Amino acid sequence: MAGRAGLTAQKLIQAGAEMADDLGFEQVTLSALARRFDVKVASLYSHLKNSEDLKVRLALLALDELADCAGEAIAGRSGKDALFALANAYRHYGQAHPGRFVAARYPLSDEVAATSSGVKLSRMLGAVLRAYGLVDAEQTHAIRFLGSVFLGYTTLESAGGFSHGDVAAQASWERTLAVLDHSLRHWPQSSAAV
C-alpha cells in the first residue's frame, strides 16, 4: 500500500474494518494499521486520537452498516416477515463481516451510543415488535430478548459451535426463528404476568 501520502481517517477506518474481518477485531491496533500502510504509528495521530478512537470508529462503522442492512431487509415488511428478515440481516452481516460484527458490540460511552446507529437498530426492533401488539412496558424486554438471540446464535455459529452435529445450522436457525415468532405472539403483557 501507499505510504503516508493520501492517508485519511476514512481510509484508516476502512482498512481497520477489513483487518477486523480478516484477522479479528482484537488484532486491529494502531501499530497493525501503521504496518499495513508502511508508515510510523505517529503518522496516524493526525487522523486518529488513539487506540480507543480507532475502536470506537470501527464500532460506529459496523453499526452504520448493520443498520443499513437491517433497514433494507425489513423495508415493506411487517410481522413475522419483518422479524425473519431482520434476524437474517443480523446473521448474514455477522457471517460476511465477523470482525465488524464483534466491533458493533464494542462498549460506547452514553453520549456516543445515543448518536450511533445502535439507536436506529433499536427502533427497527421496536417497529417489528409493534406488529406483535406488545405494550410499551414490554418493548425493552423483547428488544433485549431478540438481540440476545441474534447475537448469541450468530456468535456461536461463527465460532464453529454448530459444525459438529448431524443437524445443519440453517435448520436450527429456521426453528429458532419459528420459536421467536411464537414467543412474541404469546408474550406476557406485563412484568407482573411473568
Protein backbone atom coordinates (compact mmCIF):
# COMPACT_ATOMS: atom_id res chain seq x y z
CA MET A 1 0.00 0.00 0.00
CA ALA A 2 0.98 3.59 -0.43
CA GLY A 3 2.92 5.40 2.22
CA ARG A 4 1.84 8.44 4.18
CA ALA A 5 0.50 10.39 1.19
CA GLY A 6 -3.23 10.17 0.87
CA LEU A 7 -3.94 8.79 4.34
CA THR A 8 -7.30 9.87 5.73
CA ALA A 9 -9.31 8.81 8.74
CA GLN A 10 -11.82 7.19 6.39
CA LYS A 11 -9.12 5.09 4.66
CA LEU A 12 -7.72 4.04 8.02
CA ILE A 13 -11.12 3.01 9.38
CA GLN A 14 -11.96 1.10 6.20
CA ALA A 15 -8.62 -0.71 6.36
CA GLY A 16 -9.23 -1.41 10.05
CA ALA A 17 -12.63 -2.89 9.23
CA GLU A 18 -11.08 -5.17 6.59
CA MET A 19 -8.40 -6.22 9.07
CA ALA A 20 -11.05 -6.95 11.68
CA ASP A 21 -12.84 -9.30 9.29
CA ASP A 22 -9.60 -10.98 8.18
CA LEU A 23 -7.73 -11.20 11.48
CA GLY A 24 -10.23 -10.46 14.24
CA PHE A 25 -11.33 -7.21 15.85
CA GLU A 26 -8.86 -7.68 18.74
CA GLN A 27 -5.97 -7.64 16.25
CA VAL A 28 -6.78 -4.17 14.92
CA THR A 29 -4.35 -1.78 16.55
CA LEU A 30 -2.67 1.45 15.56
CA SER A 31 0.58 -0.49 15.14
CA ALA A 32 -1.07 -3.01 12.82
CA LEU A 33 -2.61 -0.20 10.77
CA ALA A 34 0.71 1.60 10.55
CA ARG A 35 2.37 -1.60 9.27
CA ARG A 36 -0.38 -2.05 6.69
CA PHE A 37 0.22 1.44 5.30
CA ASP A 38 4.01 1.25 5.78
CA VAL A 39 4.12 4.33 7.99
CA LYS A 40 5.12 5.05 11.56
CA VAL A 41 2.41 4.96 14.23
CA ALA A 42 2.98 8.68 14.84
CA SER A 43 1.73 9.35 11.30
CA LEU A 44 -1.71 8.07 12.29
CA TYR A 45 -2.20 10.54 15.12
CA SER A 46 -3.23 13.33 12.76
CA HIS A 47 -6.22 11.13 11.80
CA LEU A 48 -6.94 9.13 14.95
CA LYS A 49 -6.59 10.24 18.57
CA ASN A 50 -5.56 6.86 19.98
CA SER A 51 -6.48 3.16 20.01
CA GLU A 52 -9.79 3.89 21.74
CA ASP A 53 -10.73 6.32 18.97
CA LEU A 54 -9.93 3.61 16.40
CA LYS A 55 -12.10 1.02 18.16
CA VAL A 56 -15.00 3.45 18.61
CA ARG A 57 -14.90 4.46 14.94
CA LEU A 58 -14.85 0.82 13.89
CA ALA A 59 -17.85 0.17 16.14
CA LEU A 60 -19.73 3.12 14.62
CA LEU A 61 -18.94 1.95 11.09
CA ALA A 62 -20.19 -1.54 11.90
CA LEU A 63 -23.38 -0.21 13.48
CA ASP A 64 -23.99 2.00 10.44
CA GLU A 65 -23.52 -0.92 8.06
CA LEU A 66 -25.66 -3.26 10.14
CA ALA A 67 -28.44 -0.67 10.40
CA ASP A 68 -28.34 -0.15 6.62
CA CYS A 69 -28.58 -3.92 6.01
CA ALA A 70 -31.40 -4.28 8.52
CA GLY A 71 -33.31 -1.31 7.13
CA GLU A 72 -33.14 -2.68 3.59
CA ALA A 73 -34.18 -6.13 4.81
CA ILE A 74 -37.33 -5.02 6.61
CA ALA A 75 -38.48 -2.33 4.17
CA GLY A 76 -42.09 -3.01 3.23
CA ARG A 77 -42.43 -5.97 5.59
CA SER A 78 -44.29 -6.45 8.82
CA GLY A 79 -44.98 -9.05 11.47
CA LYS A 80 -43.33 -12.43 11.06
CA ASP A 81 -41.85 -11.49 7.65
CA ALA A 82 -40.15 -8.43 9.16
CA LEU A 83 -38.91 -10.42 12.15
CA PHE A 84 -37.35 -13.09 9.94
CA ALA A 85 -35.86 -10.51 7.57
CA LEU A 86 -34.33 -8.58 10.46
CA ALA A 87 -32.93 -11.73 12.07
CA ASN A 88 -31.46 -12.85 8.76
CA ALA A 89 -29.88 -9.42 8.22
CA TYR A 90 -28.07 -9.73 11.57
CA ARG A 91 -26.93 -13.27 10.82
CA HIS A 92 -25.81 -12.53 7.26
CA TYR A 93 -23.90 -9.44 8.38
CA GLY A 94 -22.17 -11.49 11.08
CA GLN A 95 -21.26 -14.18 8.55
CA ALA A 96 -19.98 -11.71 5.95
CA HIS A 97 -18.19 -9.44 8.42
CA PRO A 98 -17.22 -11.40 11.54
CA GLY A 99 -14.76 -8.81 12.83
CA ARG A 100 -17.11 -5.91 12.27
CA PHE A 101 -19.91 -7.88 13.95
CA VAL A 102 -17.70 -8.04 17.04
CA ALA A 103 -16.86 -4.34 16.65
CA ALA A 104 -20.56 -3.46 16.70
CA ARG A 105 -20.65 -4.66 20.32
CA TYR A 106 -17.71 -2.53 21.46
CA PRO A 107 -18.74 -0.54 24.55
CA LEU A 108 -19.53 3.07 23.68
CA SER A 109 -20.00 6.00 26.02
CA ASP A 110 -23.61 7.01 26.62
CA GLU A 111 -23.06 10.17 24.59
CA VAL A 112 -21.61 8.34 21.57
CA ALA A 113 -24.14 5.50 21.80
CA ALA A 114 -27.02 7.99 21.77
CA THR A 115 -25.95 9.31 18.35
CA SER A 116 -24.95 5.95 16.86
CA SER A 117 -26.87 3.68 14.52
CA GLY A 118 -27.45 1.44 17.53
CA VAL A 119 -30.42 3.72 18.19
CA LYS A 120 -31.74 3.02 14.66
CA LEU A 121 -31.35 -0.71 15.22
CA SER A 122 -33.31 -0.48 18.46
CA ARG A 123 -36.04 1.48 16.72
CA MET A 124 -36.20 -1.13 13.96
CA LEU A 125 -36.57 -3.88 16.54
CA GLY A 126 -39.30 -1.82 18.21
CA ALA A 127 -41.09 -1.34 14.88
CA VAL A 128 -41.01 -5.08 14.22
CA LEU A 129 -42.39 -5.73 17.69
CA ARG A 130 -45.34 -3.35 17.26
CA ALA A 131 -46.95 -5.88 14.93
CA TYR A 132 -46.98 -8.32 17.84
CA GLY A 133 -49.04 -5.95 20.00
CA LEU A 134 -46.56 -5.71 22.86
CA VAL A 135 -47.34 -2.99 25.36
CA ASP A 136 -44.71 -0.29 25.70
CA ALA A 137 -43.57 -1.59 29.09
CA GLU A 138 -42.56 -4.89 27.45
CA GLN A 139 -40.71 -3.45 24.43
CA THR A 140 -37.34 -3.18 26.17
CA HIS A 141 -37.51 -6.76 27.41
CA ALA A 142 -38.45 -8.07 23.97
CA ILE A 143 -35.76 -6.00 22.20
CA ARG A 144 -33.13 -7.40 24.58
CA PHE A 145 -34.51 -10.91 24.04
CA LEU A 146 -34.28 -10.65 20.25
CA GLY A 147 -30.86 -9.02 20.34
CA SER A 148 -29.58 -11.78 22.61
CA VAL A 149 -30.83 -14.50 20.28
CA PHE A 150 -29.50 -12.83 17.12
CA LEU A 151 -26.12 -12.17 18.73
CA GLY A 152 -25.86 -15.49 20.51
CA TYR A 153 -26.73 -17.66 17.54
CA THR A 154 -24.50 -15.75 15.13
CA THR A 155 -21.57 -15.70 17.54
CA LEU A 156 -21.81 -19.42 18.32
CA GLU A 157 -22.18 -20.27 14.65
CA SER A 158 -19.20 -18.16 13.58
CA ALA A 159 -17.08 -19.84 16.27
CA GLY A 160 -17.90 -23.24 14.77
CA GLY A 161 -20.22 -24.18 17.60
CA PHE A 162 -22.79 -25.81 15.32
CA SER A 163 -20.48 -27.59 12.91
CA HIS A 164 -20.09 -30.85 14.83
CA GLY A 165 -23.62 -32.24 14.76
CA ASP A 166 -25.85 -34.01 12.31
CA VAL A 167 -28.37 -31.15 12.12
CA ALA A 168 -27.46 -28.28 9.82
CA ALA A 169 -27.10 -24.84 11.40
CA GLN A 170 -29.62 -23.48 8.88
CA ALA A 171 -32.27 -25.94 10.08
CA SER A 172 -31.72 -24.89 13.69
CA TRP A 173 -31.82 -21.24 12.66
CA GLU A 174 -35.18 -21.71 10.97
CA ARG A 175 -36.52 -23.46 14.07
CA THR A 176 -35.15 -20.64 16.24
CA LEU A 177 -36.98 -18.04 14.14
CA ALA A 178 -40.23 -20.01 14.38
CA VAL A 179 -39.85 -20.17 18.16
CA LEU A 180 -39.13 -16.42 18.32
CA ASP A 181 -42.29 -15.69 16.37
CA HIS A 182 -44.31 -18.00 18.63
CA SER A 183 -42.79 -16.44 21.77
CA LEU A 184 -43.60 -12.92 20.63
CA ARG A 185 -47.19 -13.86 19.78
CA HIS A 186 -47.58 -15.25 23.31
CA TRP A 187 -45.53 -12.64 25.17
CA PRO A 188 -46.78 -11.77 28.67
CA GLN A 189 -48.23 -8.27 28.58
CA SER A 190 -46.78 -7.06 31.86
CA SER A 191 -43.84 -7.89 34.08
CA ALA A 192 -46.30 -8.95 36.76
CA ALA A 193 -47.54 -11.72 34.45
CA VAL A 194 -44.12 -13.39 34.32
